[in-house]
Amino acid sequence: MLLSLLFSAVAHAHGVADGDKGYIQEISGTHLLPFTYLGAKHMVTGYDHLLFLAGVIFFLYRLKDIAIYVSLFAIGHSLTMLYGVYAGVNVNAYLIDAIIGLSVVYKALDNLGAYQRWFGIQPNTKIATLVFGLFHGFGLAAKIQEYEIAREGLLPNLLAFNVGVEIGQLLALGAILIAMGFWRRTPAFLKYAYTTNVALMCAGFVLVGYQLTGFFVS
């Protein structure tokens, strides 16, 4: 069921709504609130970003640890999003989104302890979160460029969009933490933690396959 829902929804996870795109193309200058709204909307509906975040916090219980990892992720995607759009870096959206899908697979395997069993090592999860945050930021940049934003007022609008992304991330993260908080109080959490991360890994592979198919077809 998870894979079916994801496959049917993934096409819209980063899609630029026609209404939003038309509005952005018609305006110029500084418009902080609209771009803040668009940033929040983009993150809340970005299934791949949310899947990665869910994987990151899956076994994190202390708010301090959650704050560290989420901050690293935010720093990573903020840097490359702002740089990618402002500098006009052209990246293939399909390939970047495929890498984002791989980040979901990576984190699911990390949660399953696969790297220790297979290779006898544990990758630095903080560095990995930062690095994948950089790739997620380029994914955001690729989608923002679809808006064809006017150069006038570009920097403040991008900063507003980034603020919106962080707001959306916090809202989504709060909902995930509340749900997981209730789940962790039940015996079902440890019972189904393995199955859940396998499903998360499969969802990541679906994202990768979908994006690579789009890349080769296009």
N, C-alpha and C. Protein backbone atom coordinates (compact mmCIF):
# COMPACT_ATOMS: atom_id res chain seq x y z
N MET A 1 0.83 -1.21 0.00
CA MET A 1 0.00 0.00 0.00
C MET A 1 0.86 1.25 0.00
N LEU A 2 1.95 1.23 0.84
CA LEU A 2 2.84 2.37 0.90
C LEU A 2 3.46 2.65 -0.45
N LEU A 3 3.94 1.58 -1.13
CA LEU A 3 4.60 1.77 -2.42
C LEU A 3 3.62 2.25 -3.47
N SER A 4 2.39 1.75 -3.43
CA SER A 4 1.39 2.19 -4.41
C SER A 4 1.04 3.64 -4.24
N LEU A 5 0.86 4.06 -2.99
CA LEU A 5 0.54 5.46 -2.72
C LEU A 5 1.69 6.37 -3.11
N LEU A 6 2.91 5.90 -2.79
CA LEU A 6 4.07 6.72 -3.11
C LEU A 6 4.24 6.86 -4.61
N PHE A 7 4.09 5.75 -5.32
CA PHE A 7 4.29 5.78 -6.77
C PHE A 7 3.28 6.70 -7.44
N SER A 8 2.05 6.71 -6.93
CA SER A 8 1.03 7.56 -7.53
C SER A 8 1.20 9.02 -7.13
N ALA A 9 1.84 9.25 -5.98
CA ALA A 9 1.96 10.63 -5.49
C ALA A 9 3.29 11.27 -5.83
N VAL A 10 4.32 10.45 -6.12
CA VAL A 10 5.65 10.99 -6.27
C VAL A 10 5.75 12.00 -7.40
N ALA A 11 4.92 11.85 -8.41
CA ALA A 11 4.96 12.78 -9.53
C ALA A 11 4.60 14.19 -9.09
N HIS A 12 3.87 14.30 -7.98
CA HIS A 12 3.45 15.61 -7.51
C HIS A 12 4.26 16.10 -6.32
N ALA A 13 5.24 15.29 -5.89
CA ALA A 13 5.97 15.66 -4.69
C ALA A 13 6.75 16.95 -4.87
N HIS A 14 7.24 17.19 -6.06
CA HIS A 14 8.00 18.41 -6.30
C HIS A 14 7.44 19.21 -7.46
N GLY A 15 6.30 18.86 -7.92
CA GLY A 15 5.74 19.56 -9.06
C GLY A 15 5.41 21.00 -8.76
N VAL A 16 5.61 21.83 -9.74
CA VAL A 16 5.28 23.24 -9.59
C VAL A 16 3.84 23.44 -10.06
N ALA A 17 2.96 23.81 -9.17
CA ALA A 17 1.57 24.00 -9.53
C ALA A 17 1.45 25.12 -10.55
N ASP A 18 0.54 24.92 -11.50
CA ASP A 18 0.38 25.91 -12.57
C ASP A 18 0.01 27.28 -12.02
N GLY A 19 -0.85 27.29 -11.01
CA GLY A 19 -1.25 28.57 -10.42
C GLY A 19 -0.09 29.29 -9.77
N ASP A 20 0.73 28.54 -9.03
CA ASP A 20 1.90 29.14 -8.39
C ASP A 20 2.89 29.66 -9.43
N LYS A 21 3.13 28.85 -10.46
CA LYS A 21 4.09 29.25 -11.48
C LYS A 21 3.61 30.48 -12.23
N GLY A 22 2.34 30.51 -12.56
CA GLY A 22 1.80 31.67 -13.27
C GLY A 22 1.90 32.93 -12.44
N TYR A 23 1.63 32.80 -11.13
CA TYR A 23 1.70 33.97 -10.25
C TYR A 23 3.13 34.50 -10.17
N ILE A 24 4.08 33.58 -9.98
CA ILE A 24 5.48 33.99 -9.85
C ILE A 24 5.98 34.65 -11.14
N GLN A 25 5.57 34.14 -12.28
CA GLN A 25 6.04 34.70 -13.55
C GLN A 25 5.48 36.09 -13.81
N GLU A 26 4.36 36.43 -13.17
CA GLU A 26 3.71 37.72 -13.42
C GLU A 26 4.21 38.82 -12.50
N ILE A 27 4.93 38.46 -11.43
CA ILE A 27 5.35 39.48 -10.47
C ILE A 27 6.85 39.72 -10.58
N SER A 28 7.28 40.85 -10.08
CA SER A 28 8.70 41.17 -9.98
C SER A 28 8.90 42.01 -8.73
N GLY A 29 10.13 42.11 -8.29
CA GLY A 29 10.39 42.83 -7.06
C GLY A 29 10.34 41.90 -5.85
N THR A 30 10.36 42.50 -4.68
CA THR A 30 10.41 41.73 -3.44
C THR A 30 9.00 41.39 -2.96
N HIS A 31 8.75 40.11 -2.76
CA HIS A 31 7.46 39.62 -2.27
C HIS A 31 7.73 38.54 -1.23
N LEU A 32 7.95 38.94 0.00
CA LEU A 32 8.42 38.02 1.02
C LEU A 32 7.37 36.99 1.43
N LEU A 33 6.16 37.43 1.71
CA LEU A 33 5.14 36.50 2.19
C LEU A 33 4.77 35.43 1.16
N PRO A 34 4.54 35.79 -0.10
CA PRO A 34 4.23 34.74 -1.08
C PRO A 34 5.34 33.70 -1.21
N PHE A 35 6.60 34.15 -1.18
CA PHE A 35 7.69 33.20 -1.32
C PHE A 35 7.87 32.36 -0.05
N THR A 36 7.58 32.95 1.10
CA THR A 36 7.61 32.17 2.33
C THR A 36 6.56 31.07 2.29
N TYR A 37 5.37 31.42 1.81
CA TYR A 37 4.29 30.43 1.67
C TYR A 37 4.69 29.32 0.70
N LEU A 38 5.26 29.70 -0.45
CA LEU A 38 5.66 28.71 -1.44
C LEU A 38 6.73 27.76 -0.88
N GLY A 39 7.67 28.31 -0.11
CA GLY A 39 8.71 27.47 0.49
C GLY A 39 8.12 26.47 1.47
N ALA A 40 7.20 26.93 2.31
CA ALA A 40 6.57 26.03 3.27
C ALA A 40 5.75 24.97 2.56
N LYS A 41 5.00 25.38 1.56
CA LYS A 41 4.17 24.44 0.79
C LYS A 41 5.03 23.39 0.10
N HIS A 42 6.15 23.82 -0.45
CA HIS A 42 7.02 22.91 -1.17
C HIS A 42 7.57 21.84 -0.23
N MET A 43 7.99 22.24 0.97
CA MET A 43 8.56 21.27 1.90
C MET A 43 7.49 20.32 2.44
N VAL A 44 6.33 20.85 2.80
CA VAL A 44 5.28 20.01 3.38
C VAL A 44 4.81 18.96 2.38
N THR A 45 4.82 19.30 1.08
CA THR A 45 4.38 18.35 0.06
C THR A 45 5.54 17.60 -0.59
N GLY A 46 6.76 17.80 -0.09
CA GLY A 46 7.94 17.13 -0.66
C GLY A 46 8.14 15.78 0.00
N TYR A 47 7.55 14.74 -0.57
CA TYR A 47 7.57 13.42 0.05
C TYR A 47 8.99 12.88 0.25
N ASP A 48 9.88 13.13 -0.70
CA ASP A 48 11.22 12.59 -0.56
C ASP A 48 11.97 13.22 0.60
N HIS A 49 11.83 14.54 0.76
CA HIS A 49 12.47 15.21 1.90
C HIS A 49 11.91 14.68 3.22
N LEU A 50 10.61 14.49 3.28
CA LEU A 50 9.98 14.03 4.52
C LEU A 50 10.36 12.59 4.82
N LEU A 51 10.48 11.75 3.80
CA LEU A 51 10.92 10.37 4.02
C LEU A 51 12.33 10.34 4.59
N PHE A 52 13.19 11.19 4.05
CA PHE A 52 14.57 11.24 4.55
C PHE A 52 14.59 11.71 6.00
N LEU A 53 13.83 12.76 6.31
CA LEU A 53 13.77 13.26 7.68
C LEU A 53 13.23 12.21 8.63
N ALA A 54 12.21 11.48 8.19
CA ALA A 54 11.64 10.42 9.04
C ALA A 54 12.70 9.37 9.33
N GLY A 55 13.51 9.04 8.33
CA GLY A 55 14.58 8.08 8.55
C GLY A 55 15.64 8.61 9.49
N VAL A 56 15.96 9.89 9.38
CA VAL A 56 16.99 10.50 10.22
C VAL A 56 16.60 10.45 11.69
N ILE A 57 15.35 10.76 12.00
CA ILE A 57 14.93 10.85 13.40
C ILE A 57 14.34 9.55 13.93
N PHE A 58 14.33 8.50 13.12
CA PHE A 58 13.62 7.28 13.51
C PHE A 58 14.09 6.74 14.86
N PHE A 59 15.39 6.71 15.07
CA PHE A 59 15.93 6.18 16.33
C PHE A 59 16.55 7.28 17.20
N LEU A 60 16.18 8.52 16.97
CA LEU A 60 16.64 9.62 17.81
C LEU A 60 15.56 9.93 18.85
N TYR A 61 15.96 9.90 20.12
CA TYR A 61 14.98 10.10 21.19
C TYR A 61 15.15 11.44 21.90
N ARG A 62 16.37 11.96 21.92
CA ARG A 62 16.63 13.21 22.62
C ARG A 62 16.45 14.39 21.67
N LEU A 63 15.78 15.43 22.16
CA LEU A 63 15.55 16.61 21.34
C LEU A 63 16.86 17.26 20.90
N LYS A 64 17.89 17.17 21.74
CA LYS A 64 19.19 17.74 21.39
C LYS A 64 19.75 17.06 20.15
N ASP A 65 19.68 15.73 20.09
CA ASP A 65 20.18 15.00 18.93
C ASP A 65 19.36 15.31 17.69
N ILE A 66 18.05 15.37 17.86
CA ILE A 66 17.17 15.70 16.73
C ILE A 66 17.51 17.07 16.18
N ALA A 67 17.73 18.05 17.09
CA ALA A 67 18.05 19.41 16.67
C ALA A 67 19.36 19.46 15.89
N ILE A 68 20.36 18.67 16.33
CA ILE A 68 21.66 18.66 15.65
C ILE A 68 21.52 18.14 14.22
N TYR A 69 20.85 17.01 14.07
CA TYR A 69 20.72 16.41 12.75
C TYR A 69 19.86 17.25 11.81
N VAL A 70 18.76 17.77 12.33
CA VAL A 70 17.89 18.60 11.50
C VAL A 70 18.60 19.89 11.11
N SER A 71 19.41 20.44 12.01
CA SER A 71 20.16 21.66 11.71
C SER A 71 21.19 21.40 10.61
N LEU A 72 21.89 20.25 10.70
CA LEU A 72 22.85 19.91 9.65
C LEU A 72 22.17 19.77 8.30
N PHE A 73 21.02 19.12 8.31
CA PHE A 73 20.26 18.96 7.07
C PHE A 73 19.82 20.32 6.53
N ALA A 74 19.36 21.19 7.43
CA ALA A 74 18.89 22.52 7.02
C ALA A 74 20.03 23.37 6.47
N ILE A 75 21.19 23.31 7.12
CA ILE A 75 22.35 24.06 6.63
C ILE A 75 22.73 23.59 5.24
N GLY A 76 22.75 22.27 5.06
CA GLY A 76 23.12 21.72 3.76
C GLY A 76 22.20 22.16 2.65
N HIS A 77 20.90 21.97 2.83
CA HIS A 77 19.99 22.29 1.72
C HIS A 77 19.81 23.79 1.55
N SER A 78 20.03 24.57 2.60
CA SER A 78 19.94 26.03 2.46
C SER A 78 21.09 26.57 1.61
N LEU A 79 22.30 26.07 1.86
CA LEU A 79 23.47 26.55 1.12
C LEU A 79 23.34 26.28 -0.37
N THR A 80 23.03 25.05 -0.72
CA THR A 80 22.99 24.72 -2.15
C THR A 80 21.75 25.25 -2.84
N MET A 81 20.66 25.39 -2.10
CA MET A 81 19.47 25.98 -2.71
C MET A 81 19.73 27.43 -3.09
N LEU A 82 20.26 28.21 -2.14
CA LEU A 82 20.52 29.62 -2.40
C LEU A 82 21.59 29.79 -3.48
N TYR A 83 22.66 29.00 -3.38
CA TYR A 83 23.73 29.11 -4.37
C TYR A 83 23.25 28.67 -5.74
N GLY A 84 22.54 27.55 -5.80
CA GLY A 84 22.10 27.01 -7.08
C GLY A 84 21.22 27.97 -7.86
N VAL A 85 20.29 28.61 -7.16
CA VAL A 85 19.37 29.53 -7.85
C VAL A 85 20.05 30.86 -8.14
N TYR A 86 20.72 31.41 -7.15
CA TYR A 86 21.30 32.74 -7.32
C TYR A 86 22.41 32.73 -8.36
N ALA A 87 23.18 31.65 -8.41
CA ALA A 87 24.28 31.56 -9.38
C ALA A 87 23.82 30.96 -10.69
N GLY A 88 22.55 30.53 -10.76
CA GLY A 88 22.03 29.97 -11.99
C GLY A 88 22.65 28.64 -12.36
N VAL A 89 22.94 27.81 -11.36
CA VAL A 89 23.53 26.49 -11.61
C VAL A 89 22.45 25.57 -12.19
N ASN A 90 22.72 25.05 -13.35
CA ASN A 90 21.77 24.15 -14.01
C ASN A 90 22.10 22.70 -13.68
N VAL A 91 21.21 22.05 -12.97
CA VAL A 91 21.37 20.63 -12.66
C VAL A 91 20.16 19.89 -13.19
N ASN A 92 20.38 18.63 -13.55
CA ASN A 92 19.28 17.83 -14.06
C ASN A 92 18.40 17.42 -12.89
N ALA A 93 17.14 17.85 -12.91
CA ALA A 93 16.24 17.61 -11.78
C ALA A 93 16.02 16.12 -11.56
N TYR A 94 15.97 15.33 -12.64
CA TYR A 94 15.74 13.89 -12.50
C TYR A 94 16.89 13.22 -11.76
N LEU A 95 18.13 13.57 -12.14
CA LEU A 95 19.28 12.95 -11.50
C LEU A 95 19.42 13.36 -10.04
N ILE A 96 19.17 14.64 -9.77
CA ILE A 96 19.23 15.10 -8.38
C ILE A 96 18.17 14.42 -7.54
N ASP A 97 16.96 14.31 -8.08
CA ASP A 97 15.89 13.64 -7.33
C ASP A 97 16.17 12.16 -7.15
N ALA A 98 16.89 11.55 -8.10
CA ALA A 98 17.29 10.15 -7.94
C ALA A 98 18.28 10.01 -6.78
N ILE A 99 19.20 10.97 -6.67
CA ILE A 99 20.15 10.96 -5.56
C ILE A 99 19.40 11.16 -4.24
N ILE A 100 18.38 12.01 -4.25
CA ILE A 100 17.57 12.22 -3.05
C ILE A 100 16.88 10.91 -2.67
N GLY A 101 16.40 10.17 -3.67
CA GLY A 101 15.83 8.86 -3.39
C GLY A 101 16.85 7.93 -2.78
N LEU A 102 18.09 7.98 -3.28
CA LEU A 102 19.16 7.17 -2.71
C LEU A 102 19.46 7.55 -1.27
N SER A 103 19.28 8.83 -0.94
CA SER A 103 19.50 9.25 0.45
C SER A 103 18.50 8.58 1.39
N VAL A 104 17.29 8.37 0.90
CA VAL A 104 16.29 7.66 1.69
C VAL A 104 16.71 6.20 1.87
N VAL A 105 17.20 5.57 0.79
CA VAL A 105 17.68 4.19 0.86
C VAL A 105 18.86 4.10 1.84
N TYR A 106 19.79 5.05 1.73
CA TYR A 106 20.97 5.06 2.60
C TYR A 106 20.55 5.09 4.06
N LYS A 107 19.64 6.00 4.39
CA LYS A 107 19.28 6.16 5.80
C LYS A 107 18.51 4.95 6.31
N ALA A 108 17.67 4.36 5.48
CA ALA A 108 16.94 3.16 5.89
C ALA A 108 17.92 2.02 6.18
N LEU A 109 18.92 1.84 5.31
CA LEU A 109 19.92 0.80 5.53
C LEU A 109 20.74 1.10 6.78
N ASP A 110 21.02 2.36 7.02
CA ASP A 110 21.74 2.75 8.24
C ASP A 110 20.93 2.37 9.48
N ASN A 111 19.62 2.65 9.44
CA ASN A 111 18.76 2.29 10.56
C ASN A 111 18.68 0.78 10.78
N LEU A 112 18.84 0.03 9.70
CA LEU A 112 18.80 -1.43 9.78
C LEU A 112 20.14 -2.03 10.21
N GLY A 113 21.16 -1.18 10.37
CA GLY A 113 22.48 -1.66 10.77
C GLY A 113 23.19 -2.41 9.66
N ALA A 114 22.83 -2.15 8.42
CA ALA A 114 23.38 -2.92 7.29
C ALA A 114 24.87 -2.68 7.10
N TYR A 115 25.34 -1.45 7.29
CA TYR A 115 26.74 -1.14 7.00
C TYR A 115 27.68 -1.84 7.99
N GLN A 116 27.24 -1.96 9.24
CA GLN A 116 28.06 -2.67 10.21
C GLN A 116 28.12 -4.15 9.90
N ARG A 117 27.00 -4.74 9.48
CA ARG A 117 26.98 -6.17 9.16
C ARG A 117 27.74 -6.46 7.87
N TRP A 118 27.59 -5.60 6.87
CA TRP A 118 28.19 -5.87 5.57
C TRP A 118 29.68 -5.51 5.52
N PHE A 119 30.02 -4.34 6.09
CA PHE A 119 31.37 -3.82 5.93
C PHE A 119 32.13 -3.69 7.25
N GLY A 120 31.45 -3.89 8.37
CA GLY A 120 32.09 -3.77 9.67
C GLY A 120 32.41 -2.35 10.08
N ILE A 121 31.76 -1.37 9.45
CA ILE A 121 31.99 0.03 9.79
C ILE A 121 30.65 0.74 9.95
N GLN A 122 30.70 1.85 10.67
CA GLN A 122 29.52 2.69 10.82
C GLN A 122 29.83 4.07 10.23
N PRO A 123 29.24 4.43 9.10
CA PRO A 123 29.50 5.76 8.52
C PRO A 123 29.12 6.86 9.50
N ASN A 124 29.79 7.99 9.35
CA ASN A 124 29.48 9.16 10.18
C ASN A 124 28.13 9.72 9.75
N THR A 125 27.12 9.50 10.58
CA THR A 125 25.76 9.88 10.18
C THR A 125 25.57 11.39 10.12
N LYS A 126 26.33 12.12 10.90
CA LYS A 126 26.22 13.58 10.86
C LYS A 126 26.74 14.12 9.53
N ILE A 127 27.91 13.63 9.11
CA ILE A 127 28.46 14.06 7.82
C ILE A 127 27.53 13.65 6.68
N ALA A 128 27.01 12.43 6.76
CA ALA A 128 26.10 11.95 5.71
C ALA A 128 24.86 12.82 5.62
N THR A 129 24.32 13.22 6.78
CA THR A 129 23.13 14.07 6.79
C THR A 129 23.42 15.42 6.15
N LEU A 130 24.58 15.98 6.44
CA LEU A 130 24.97 17.26 5.84
C LEU A 130 25.14 17.12 4.34
N VAL A 131 25.84 16.07 3.90
CA VAL A 131 26.10 15.87 2.47
C VAL A 131 24.80 15.67 1.71
N PHE A 132 23.92 14.83 2.23
CA PHE A 132 22.65 14.62 1.55
C PHE A 132 21.79 15.88 1.61
N GLY A 133 21.96 16.69 2.65
CA GLY A 133 21.28 17.97 2.69
C GLY A 133 21.70 18.86 1.53
N LEU A 134 22.99 18.80 1.17
CA LEU A 134 23.48 19.57 0.02
C LEU A 134 22.78 19.13 -1.26
N PHE A 135 22.63 17.82 -1.44
CA PHE A 135 21.93 17.32 -2.63
C PHE A 135 20.45 17.71 -2.62
N HIS A 136 19.82 17.63 -1.45
CA HIS A 136 18.42 18.04 -1.34
C HIS A 136 18.27 19.51 -1.72
N GLY A 137 19.26 20.33 -1.36
CA GLY A 137 19.21 21.74 -1.70
C GLY A 137 19.28 21.98 -3.19
N PHE A 138 20.12 21.21 -3.89
CA PHE A 138 20.17 21.33 -5.35
C PHE A 138 18.84 20.89 -5.98
N GLY A 139 18.19 19.91 -5.34
CA GLY A 139 16.86 19.51 -5.81
C GLY A 139 15.87 20.65 -5.66
N LEU A 140 15.92 21.34 -4.53
CA LEU A 140 15.06 22.51 -4.34
C LEU A 140 15.38 23.59 -5.37
N ALA A 141 16.69 23.81 -5.61
CA ALA A 141 17.09 24.84 -6.57
C ALA A 141 16.56 24.54 -7.96
N ALA A 142 16.61 23.25 -8.34
CA ALA A 142 16.12 22.88 -9.67
C ALA A 142 14.64 23.19 -9.81
N LYS A 143 13.88 22.97 -8.75
CA LYS A 143 12.45 23.22 -8.81
C LYS A 143 12.14 24.71 -8.77
N ILE A 144 12.91 25.46 -7.98
CA ILE A 144 12.69 26.91 -7.91
C ILE A 144 12.92 27.54 -9.27
N GLN A 145 13.91 27.05 -9.99
CA GLN A 145 14.20 27.62 -11.30
C GLN A 145 13.05 27.39 -12.29
N GLU A 146 12.19 26.41 -12.00
CA GLU A 146 11.02 26.20 -12.85
C GLU A 146 10.02 27.35 -12.71
N TYR A 147 10.11 28.08 -11.60
CA TYR A 147 9.22 29.23 -11.42
C TYR A 147 9.58 30.39 -12.34
N GLU A 148 10.84 30.37 -12.83
CA GLU A 148 11.33 31.47 -13.69
C GLU A 148 11.17 32.81 -12.96
N ILE A 149 11.78 32.88 -11.80
CA ILE A 149 11.68 34.05 -10.94
C ILE A 149 12.42 35.24 -11.57
N ALA A 150 11.83 36.42 -11.46
CA ALA A 150 12.47 37.63 -11.97
C ALA A 150 13.74 37.92 -11.16
N ARG A 151 14.75 38.47 -11.81
CA ARG A 151 16.01 38.77 -11.12
C ARG A 151 15.84 39.92 -10.13
N GLU A 152 14.87 40.79 -10.38
CA GLU A 152 14.64 41.90 -9.46
C GLU A 152 14.09 41.36 -8.14
N GLY A 153 14.79 41.67 -7.06
CA GLY A 153 14.37 41.18 -5.75
C GLY A 153 14.63 39.70 -5.53
N LEU A 154 15.54 39.13 -6.34
CA LEU A 154 15.76 37.69 -6.30
C LEU A 154 16.28 37.23 -4.94
N LEU A 155 17.33 37.89 -4.41
CA LEU A 155 17.93 37.42 -3.17
C LEU A 155 16.96 37.45 -1.99
N PRO A 156 16.27 38.57 -1.73
CA PRO A 156 15.31 38.54 -0.61
C PRO A 156 14.19 37.53 -0.82
N ASN A 157 13.77 37.35 -2.07
CA ASN A 157 12.73 36.36 -2.33
C ASN A 157 13.23 34.94 -2.06
N LEU A 158 14.48 34.67 -2.43
CA LEU A 158 15.06 33.37 -2.15
C LEU A 158 15.21 33.13 -0.65
N LEU A 159 15.63 34.16 0.06
CA LEU A 159 15.74 34.04 1.52
C LEU A 159 14.37 33.78 2.15
N ALA A 160 13.35 34.45 1.63
CA ALA A 160 12.00 34.23 2.13
C ALA A 160 11.54 32.81 1.82
N PHE A 161 11.86 32.33 0.63
CA PHE A 161 11.52 30.95 0.26
C PHE A 161 12.21 29.97 1.20
N ASN A 162 13.47 30.24 1.52
CA ASN A 162 14.21 29.36 2.41
C ASN A 162 13.62 29.37 3.81
N VAL A 163 13.20 30.54 4.27
CA VAL A 163 12.53 30.62 5.57
C VAL A 163 11.26 29.78 5.55
N GLY A 164 10.53 29.86 4.45
CA GLY A 164 9.32 29.06 4.31
C GLY A 164 9.63 27.57 4.33
N VAL A 165 10.72 27.18 3.67
CA VAL A 165 11.13 25.78 3.68
C VAL A 165 11.40 25.31 5.11
N GLU A 166 12.08 26.14 5.89
CA GLU A 166 12.38 25.76 7.27
C GLU A 166 11.11 25.70 8.11
N ILE A 167 10.18 26.62 7.87
CA ILE A 167 8.90 26.57 8.59
C ILE A 167 8.15 25.29 8.25
N GLY A 168 8.09 24.99 6.95
CA GLY A 168 7.43 23.76 6.53
C GLY A 168 8.10 22.52 7.10
N GLN A 169 9.43 22.57 7.15
CA GLN A 169 10.18 21.43 7.70
C GLN A 169 9.85 21.24 9.18
N LEU A 170 9.79 22.33 9.92
CA LEU A 170 9.47 22.25 11.35
C LEU A 170 8.05 21.74 11.58
N LEU A 171 7.12 22.20 10.75
CA LEU A 171 5.73 21.74 10.89
C LEU A 171 5.64 20.24 10.60
N ALA A 172 6.27 19.83 9.51
CA ALA A 172 6.23 18.41 9.16
C ALA A 172 6.95 17.57 10.20
N LEU A 173 8.09 18.07 10.66
CA LEU A 173 8.86 17.35 11.67
C LEU A 173 8.08 17.22 12.96
N GLY A 174 7.39 18.29 13.34
CA GLY A 174 6.57 18.24 14.55
C GLY A 174 5.50 17.18 14.45
N ALA A 175 4.84 17.09 13.30
CA ALA A 175 3.80 16.07 13.11
C ALA A 175 4.39 14.67 13.17
N ILE A 176 5.57 14.49 12.54
CA ILE A 176 6.23 13.18 12.55
C ILE A 176 6.62 12.79 13.97
N LEU A 177 7.16 13.75 14.73
CA LEU A 177 7.60 13.47 16.10
C LEU A 177 6.42 13.12 17.00
N ILE A 178 5.32 13.82 16.82
CA ILE A 178 4.13 13.52 17.63
C ILE A 178 3.64 12.10 17.34
N ALA A 179 3.56 11.77 16.06
CA ALA A 179 3.10 10.42 15.69
C ALA A 179 4.05 9.35 16.20
N MET A 180 5.36 9.59 16.04
CA MET A 180 6.33 8.61 16.49
C MET A 180 6.39 8.54 18.00
N GLY A 181 6.12 9.65 18.68
CA GLY A 181 6.11 9.64 20.13
C GLY A 181 5.05 8.70 20.67
N PHE A 182 3.86 8.74 20.09
CA PHE A 182 2.80 7.82 20.50
C PHE A 182 3.16 6.38 20.13
N TRP A 183 3.75 6.21 18.93
CA TRP A 183 4.08 4.87 18.47
C TRP A 183 5.16 4.23 19.33
N ARG A 184 6.15 5.04 19.75
CA ARG A 184 7.25 4.51 20.55
C ARG A 184 6.80 4.03 21.93
N ARG A 185 5.66 4.50 22.39
CA ARG A 185 5.15 4.06 23.69
C ARG A 185 4.46 2.70 23.63
N THR A 186 4.34 2.15 22.45
CA THR A 186 3.66 0.88 22.28
C THR A 186 4.67 -0.22 21.93
N PRO A 187 4.36 -1.48 22.24
CA PRO A 187 5.25 -2.59 21.87
C PRO A 187 5.41 -2.72 20.35
N ALA A 188 4.48 -2.16 19.60
CA ALA A 188 4.53 -2.30 18.14
C ALA A 188 5.74 -1.59 17.53
N PHE A 189 6.31 -0.60 18.24
CA PHE A 189 7.43 0.15 17.65
C PHE A 189 8.62 -0.76 17.40
N LEU A 190 9.10 -1.43 18.43
CA LEU A 190 10.24 -2.32 18.26
C LEU A 190 9.88 -3.53 17.40
N LYS A 191 8.63 -3.95 17.47
CA LYS A 191 8.19 -5.10 16.71
C LYS A 191 8.23 -4.83 15.21
N TYR A 192 7.85 -3.60 14.84
CA TYR A 192 7.74 -3.28 13.41
C TYR A 192 8.80 -2.28 12.93
N ALA A 193 9.78 -1.97 13.77
CA ALA A 193 10.83 -1.01 13.36
C ALA A 193 11.59 -1.53 12.14
N TYR A 194 11.93 -2.81 12.14
CA TYR A 194 12.66 -3.39 11.02
C TYR A 194 11.82 -3.32 9.75
N THR A 195 10.56 -3.76 9.85
CA THR A 195 9.67 -3.77 8.68
C THR A 195 9.46 -2.36 8.14
N THR A 196 9.34 -1.41 9.04
CA THR A 196 9.12 -0.02 8.63
C THR A 196 10.31 0.51 7.85
N ASN A 197 11.51 0.21 8.30
CA ASN A 197 12.69 0.70 7.59
C ASN A 197 12.91 -0.04 6.26
N VAL A 198 12.49 -1.30 6.19
CA VAL A 198 12.52 -1.99 4.91
C VAL A 198 11.57 -1.31 3.93
N ALA A 199 10.39 -0.94 4.43
CA ALA A 199 9.42 -0.22 3.59
C ALA A 199 9.98 1.14 3.17
N LEU A 200 10.68 1.81 4.10
CA LEU A 200 11.30 3.09 3.79
C LEU A 200 12.35 2.92 2.70
N MET A 201 13.15 1.87 2.81
CA MET A 201 14.16 1.59 1.79
C MET A 201 13.51 1.33 0.43
N CYS A 202 12.43 0.54 0.42
CA CYS A 202 11.73 0.26 -0.83
C CYS A 202 11.15 1.53 -1.44
N ALA A 203 10.64 2.41 -0.58
CA ALA A 203 10.11 3.68 -1.07
C ALA A 203 11.21 4.50 -1.73
N GLY A 204 12.41 4.47 -1.13
CA GLY A 204 13.54 5.18 -1.73
C GLY A 204 13.90 4.62 -3.09
N PHE A 205 13.88 3.29 -3.21
CA PHE A 205 14.18 2.67 -4.51
C PHE A 205 13.11 3.03 -5.55
N VAL A 206 11.85 3.13 -5.11
CA VAL A 206 10.79 3.55 -6.03
C VAL A 206 11.07 4.96 -6.54
N LEU A 207 11.48 5.84 -5.63
CA LEU A 207 11.81 7.21 -6.03
C LEU A 207 12.95 7.21 -7.05
N VAL A 208 13.98 6.42 -6.76
CA VAL A 208 15.13 6.34 -7.68
C VAL A 208 14.68 5.84 -9.04
N GLY A 209 13.93 4.74 -9.05
CA GLY A 209 13.48 4.17 -10.32
C GLY A 209 12.61 5.12 -11.12
N TYR A 210 11.72 5.81 -10.42
CA TYR A 210 10.83 6.75 -11.09
C TYR A 210 11.62 7.89 -11.74
N GLN A 211 12.58 8.44 -10.99
CA GLN A 211 13.35 9.57 -11.51
C GLN A 211 14.28 9.14 -12.64
N LEU A 212 14.89 7.97 -12.53
CA LEU A 212 15.77 7.51 -13.61
C LEU A 212 14.97 7.20 -14.87
N THR A 213 13.77 6.68 -14.68
CA THR A 213 12.90 6.46 -15.84
C THR A 213 12.59 7.79 -16.53
N GLY A 214 12.25 8.79 -15.72
CA GLY A 214 11.99 10.12 -16.29
C GLY A 214 13.20 10.68 -17.00
N PHE A 215 14.38 10.43 -16.44
CA PHE A 215 15.62 10.95 -17.07
C PHE A 215 15.84 10.32 -18.44
N PHE A 216 15.72 9.00 -18.53
CA PHE A 216 15.99 8.32 -19.80
C PHE A 216 14.88 8.57 -20.83
N VAL A 217 13.65 8.68 -20.35
CA VAL A 217 12.54 8.95 -21.27
C VAL A 217 12.63 10.36 -21.84
N SER A 218 13.02 11.30 -20.99
CA SER A 218 13.09 12.69 -21.45
C SER A 218 14.30 12.91 -22.37
